Amino acid sequence: QVQLVESGGGLVQAGGSLRLSCAASGRTANDIFMAWFRQAPGKEREFVAAISGSSGRTYSPDSVKGRFTISRDNTKNTVYLQMNSLKPEDTAVYHCAAAREIITRAIMTSRGYDYWGQGTQVTVSS
């Protein structure tokens, strides 16, 4: 089992920045695949970013490219999401997810992940 705990959410004005952290514990490994998803009220869960364990390759949709950066520190079993130039439409609960094995076409889908954190609220005011 893997436990994930997110932190770093909060209230920020449009144009501001936040850094989210996701600490993994339990049966973790440096090659575990990690990702961030978000879910706004009344909307489906949306892929935000992912990072592989072995190569550090990152994945993100066009909606956040150039604004959000995912990174990881394997010595701390922690993944980060640096969010810059935040917009009101970025308001959501942000969830960390992990997968021991994942195929490429599943990276951007929530079904590809085995473990989930409880989430941290990010609110961007206009």
C-alpha atoms as a PDB file:
ATOM      1  CA  GLN A   1       0.000   0.000   0.000  1.00  0.00           C
ATOM      2  CA  VAL A   2       0.997   3.587  -0.625  1.00  0.00           C
ATOM      3  CA  GLN A   3      -0.309   6.545   1.332  1.00  0.00           C
ATOM      4  CA  LEU A   4      -0.345  10.006  -0.207  1.00  0.00           C
ATOM      5  CA  VAL A   5      -0.744  13.259   1.682  1.00  0.00           C
ATOM      6  CA  GLU A   6      -1.083  16.574  -0.119  1.00  0.00           C
ATOM      7  CA  SER A   7      -0.313  20.003   1.290  1.00  0.00           C
ATOM      8  CA  GLY A   8       0.230  23.555   0.126  1.00  0.00           C
ATOM      9  CA  GLY A   9      -3.211  24.544  -1.049  1.00  0.00           C
ATOM     10  CA  GLY A  10      -4.846  27.820  -0.151  1.00  0.00           C
ATOM     11  CA  LEU A  11      -6.365  31.065  -1.361  1.00  0.00           C
ATOM     12  CA  VAL A  12      -4.416  33.161  -3.853  1.00  0.00           C
ATOM     13  CA  GLN A  13      -5.192  36.057  -6.162  1.00  0.00           C
ATOM     14  CA  ALA A  14      -5.197  35.638  -9.911  1.00  0.00           C
ATOM     15  CA  GLY A  15      -1.653  35.843 -11.250  1.00  0.00           C
ATOM     16  CA  GLY A  16      -0.205  34.458  -8.041  1.00  0.00           C
ATOM     17  CA  SER A  17       1.657  31.227  -7.336  1.00  0.00           C
ATOM     18  CA  LEU A  18       1.364  28.185  -5.102  1.00  0.00           C
ATOM     19  CA  ARG A  19       3.446  25.070  -4.643  1.00  0.00           C
ATOM     20  CA  LEU A  20       1.705  21.848  -3.759  1.00  0.00           C
ATOM     21  CA  SER A  21       3.483  18.920  -2.159  1.00  0.00           C
ATOM     22  CA  CYS A  22       2.570  15.250  -2.083  1.00  0.00           C
ATOM     23  CA  ALA A  23       4.371  13.064   0.427  1.00  0.00           C
ATOM     24  CA  ALA A  24       4.288   9.335  -0.268  1.00  0.00           C
ATOM     25  CA  SER A  25       4.734   6.691   2.416  1.00  0.00           C
ATOM     26  CA  GLY A  26       4.296   2.965   2.719  1.00  0.00           C
ATOM     27  CA  ARG A  27       5.610   0.588   0.098  1.00  0.00           C
ATOM     28  CA  THR A  28       7.042   3.290  -2.125  1.00  0.00           C
ATOM     29  CA  ALA A  29       9.753   3.002  -4.724  1.00  0.00           C
ATOM     30  CA  ASN A  30      11.697   5.552  -6.673  1.00  0.00           C
ATOM     31  CA  ASP A  31      10.195   4.314  -9.927  1.00  0.00           C
ATOM     32  CA  ILE A  32       6.589   4.822  -8.880  1.00  0.00           C
ATOM     33  CA  PHE A  33       4.652   6.962 -11.348  1.00  0.00           C
ATOM     34  CA  MET A  34       3.136  10.096  -9.806  1.00  0.00           C
ATOM     35  CA  ALA A  35       0.542  12.579 -10.999  1.00  0.00           C
ATOM     36  CA  TRP A  36      -1.712  15.467 -10.068  1.00  0.00           C
ATOM     37  CA  PHE A  37      -5.379  15.695 -10.930  1.00  0.00           C
ATOM     38  CA  ARG A  38      -7.933  18.344 -10.001  1.00  0.00           C
ATOM     39  CA  GLN A  39     -11.670  18.418  -9.598  1.00  0.00           C
ATOM     40  CA  ALA A  40     -13.845  21.512  -9.510  1.00  0.00           C
ATOM     41  CA  PRO A  41     -17.420  21.423  -8.161  1.00  0.00           C
ATOM     42  CA  GLY A  42     -19.783  19.826 -10.654  1.00  0.00           C
ATOM     43  CA  LYS A  43     -16.970  18.844 -13.002  1.00  0.00           C
ATOM     44  CA  GLU A  44     -15.119  15.645 -13.765  1.00  0.00           C
ATOM     45  CA  ARG A  45     -11.659  14.960 -12.425  1.00  0.00           C
ATOM     46  CA  GLU A  46      -9.086  16.517 -14.750  1.00  0.00           C
ATOM     47  CA  PHE A  47      -5.472  15.523 -15.410  1.00  0.00           C
ATOM     48  CA  VAL A  48      -2.953  18.236 -14.491  1.00  0.00           C
ATOM     49  CA  ALA A  49       0.538  16.734 -14.659  1.00  0.00           C
ATOM     50  CA  ALA A  50       2.494  13.512 -14.265  1.00  0.00           C
ATOM     51  CA  ILE A  51       6.080  12.457 -13.794  1.00  0.00           C
ATOM     52  CA  SER A  52       7.726   9.106 -14.258  1.00  0.00           C
ATOM     53  CA  GLY A  53       9.929   7.684 -11.549  1.00  0.00           C
ATOM     54  CA  SER A  54      12.767   6.294 -13.571  1.00  0.00           C
ATOM     55  CA  SER A  55      13.422   8.925 -16.228  1.00  0.00           C
ATOM     56  CA  GLY A  56      11.708  11.942 -14.683  1.00  0.00           C
ATOM     57  CA  ARG A  57       9.815  12.506 -17.902  1.00  0.00           C
ATOM     58  CA  THR A  58       6.873  14.844 -17.402  1.00  0.00           C
ATOM     59  CA  TYR A  59       3.452  15.076 -18.984  1.00  0.00           C
ATOM     60  CA  SER A  60       0.896  17.904 -18.884  1.00  0.00           C
ATOM     61  CA  PRO A  61      -2.071  19.172 -20.893  1.00  0.00           C
ATOM     62  CA  ASP A  62      -1.998  22.384 -22.906  1.00  0.00           C
ATOM     63  CA  SER A  63      -4.230  24.105 -20.344  1.00  0.00           C
ATOM     64  CA  VAL A  64      -1.383  24.253 -17.813  1.00  0.00           C
ATOM     65  CA  LYS A  65       1.735  24.029 -19.963  1.00  0.00           C
ATOM     66  CA  GLY A  66       4.060  26.941 -19.308  1.00  0.00           C
ATOM     67  CA  ARG A  67       2.338  27.690 -15.985  1.00  0.00           C
ATOM     68  CA  PHE A  68       2.534  24.471 -13.941  1.00  0.00           C
ATOM     69  CA  THR A  69       5.637  22.376 -13.351  1.00  0.00           C
ATOM     70  CA  ILE A  70       5.759  18.951 -11.758  1.00  0.00           C
ATOM     71  CA  SER A  71       8.923  17.701 -10.091  1.00  0.00           C
ATOM     72  CA  ARG A  72       9.963  15.083  -7.586  1.00  0.00           C
ATOM     73  CA  ASP A  73      12.534  14.513  -4.875  1.00  0.00           C
ATOM     74  CA  ASN A  74      13.037  10.779  -4.562  1.00  0.00           C
ATOM     75  CA  THR A  75      15.149  11.195  -1.426  1.00  0.00           C
ATOM     76  CA  LYS A  76      12.065  12.593   0.289  1.00  0.00           C
ATOM     77  CA  ASN A  77       9.434  10.507  -1.541  1.00  0.00           C
ATOM     78  CA  THR A  78       7.759  13.778  -2.429  1.00  0.00           C
ATOM     79  CA  VAL A  79       6.272  15.197  -5.602  1.00  0.00           C
ATOM     80  CA  TYR A  80       5.689  18.892  -6.131  1.00  0.00           C
ATOM     81  CA  LEU A  81       3.427  20.952  -8.342  1.00  0.00           C
ATOM     82  CA  GLN A  82       4.608  24.503  -8.851  1.00  0.00           C
ATOM     83  CA  MET A  83       1.712  26.599 -10.109  1.00  0.00           C
ATOM     84  CA  ASN A  84       2.358  30.068 -11.516  1.00  0.00           C
ATOM     85  CA  SER A  85       0.132  32.638 -13.220  1.00  0.00           C
ATOM     86  CA  LEU A  86      -2.900  31.129 -11.542  1.00  0.00           C
ATOM     87  CA  LYS A  87      -6.342  31.821 -12.962  1.00  0.00           C
ATOM     88  CA  PRO A  88      -9.787  31.622 -11.343  1.00  0.00           C
ATOM     89  CA  GLU A  89     -10.519  28.572 -13.524  1.00  0.00           C
ATOM     90  CA  ASP A  90      -7.683  26.748 -11.747  1.00  0.00           C
ATOM     91  CA  THR A  91      -9.844  26.672  -8.608  1.00  0.00           C
ATOM     92  CA  ALA A  92     -10.363  23.045  -7.608  1.00  0.00           C
ATOM     93  CA  VAL A  93      -9.415  20.325  -5.179  1.00  0.00           C
ATOM     94  CA  TYR A  94      -6.021  19.017  -6.262  1.00  0.00           C
ATOM     95  CA  HIS A  95      -5.342  15.325  -5.764  1.00  0.00           C
ATOM     96  CA  CYS A  96      -2.078  13.445  -5.873  1.00  0.00           C
ATOM     97  CA  ALA A  97      -2.109   9.995  -7.464  1.00  0.00           C
ATOM     98  CA  ALA A  98       0.362   7.147  -7.840  1.00  0.00           C
ATOM     99  CA  ALA A  99       0.728   4.041  -9.962  1.00  0.00           C
ATOM    100  CA  ARG A 100       3.286   1.260  -9.731  1.00  0.00           C
ATOM    101  CA  GLU A 101       2.880   0.461 -13.403  1.00  0.00           C
ATOM    102  CA  ILE A 102       1.042   2.436 -16.047  1.00  0.00           C
ATOM    103  CA  ILE A 103       0.703   2.274 -19.797  1.00  0.00           C
ATOM    104  CA  THR A 104       1.224   5.408 -21.831  1.00  0.00           C
ATOM    105  CA  ARG A 105      -2.383   5.828 -22.938  1.00  0.00           C
ATOM    106  CA  ALA A 106      -3.552   5.712 -19.301  1.00  0.00           C
ATOM    107  CA  ILE A 107      -1.231   8.408 -17.950  1.00  0.00           C
ATOM    108  CA  MET A 108      -3.781  11.189 -18.379  1.00  0.00           C
ATOM    109  CA  THR A 109      -6.730   9.182 -17.078  1.00  0.00           C
ATOM    110  CA  SER A 110      -7.687   8.706 -13.447  1.00  0.00           C
ATOM    111  CA  ARG A 111      -8.312   4.990 -14.087  1.00  0.00           C
ATOM    112  CA  GLY A 112      -4.585   4.478 -14.569  1.00  0.00           C
ATOM    113  CA  TYR A 113      -3.768   5.166 -10.926  1.00  0.00           C
ATOM    114  CA  ASP A 114      -3.958   2.871  -7.925  1.00  0.00           C
ATOM    115  CA  TYR A 115      -3.493   5.255  -5.026  1.00  0.00           C
ATOM    116  CA  TRP A 116      -5.008   8.648  -4.257  1.00  0.00           C
ATOM    117  CA  GLY A 117      -4.587  11.353  -1.671  1.00  0.00           C
ATOM    118  CA  GLN A 118      -7.456  13.190   0.014  1.00  0.00           C
ATOM    119  CA  GLY A 119      -6.767  16.387  -1.862  1.00  0.00           C
ATOM    120  CA  THR A 120      -5.948  19.992  -1.067  1.00  0.00           C
ATOM    121  CA  GLN A 121      -8.146  22.958  -1.953  1.00  0.00           C
ATOM    122  CA  VAL A 122      -6.806  25.641  -4.268  1.00  0.00           C
ATOM    123  CA  THR A 123      -8.914  28.778  -4.647  1.00  0.00           C
ATOM    124  CA  VAL A 124      -7.939  31.544  -7.048  1.00  0.00           C
ATOM    125  CA  SER A 125      -9.791  34.828  -6.657  1.00  0.00           C
ATOM    126  CA  SER A 126     -10.253  37.280  -9.505  1.00  0.00           C
END
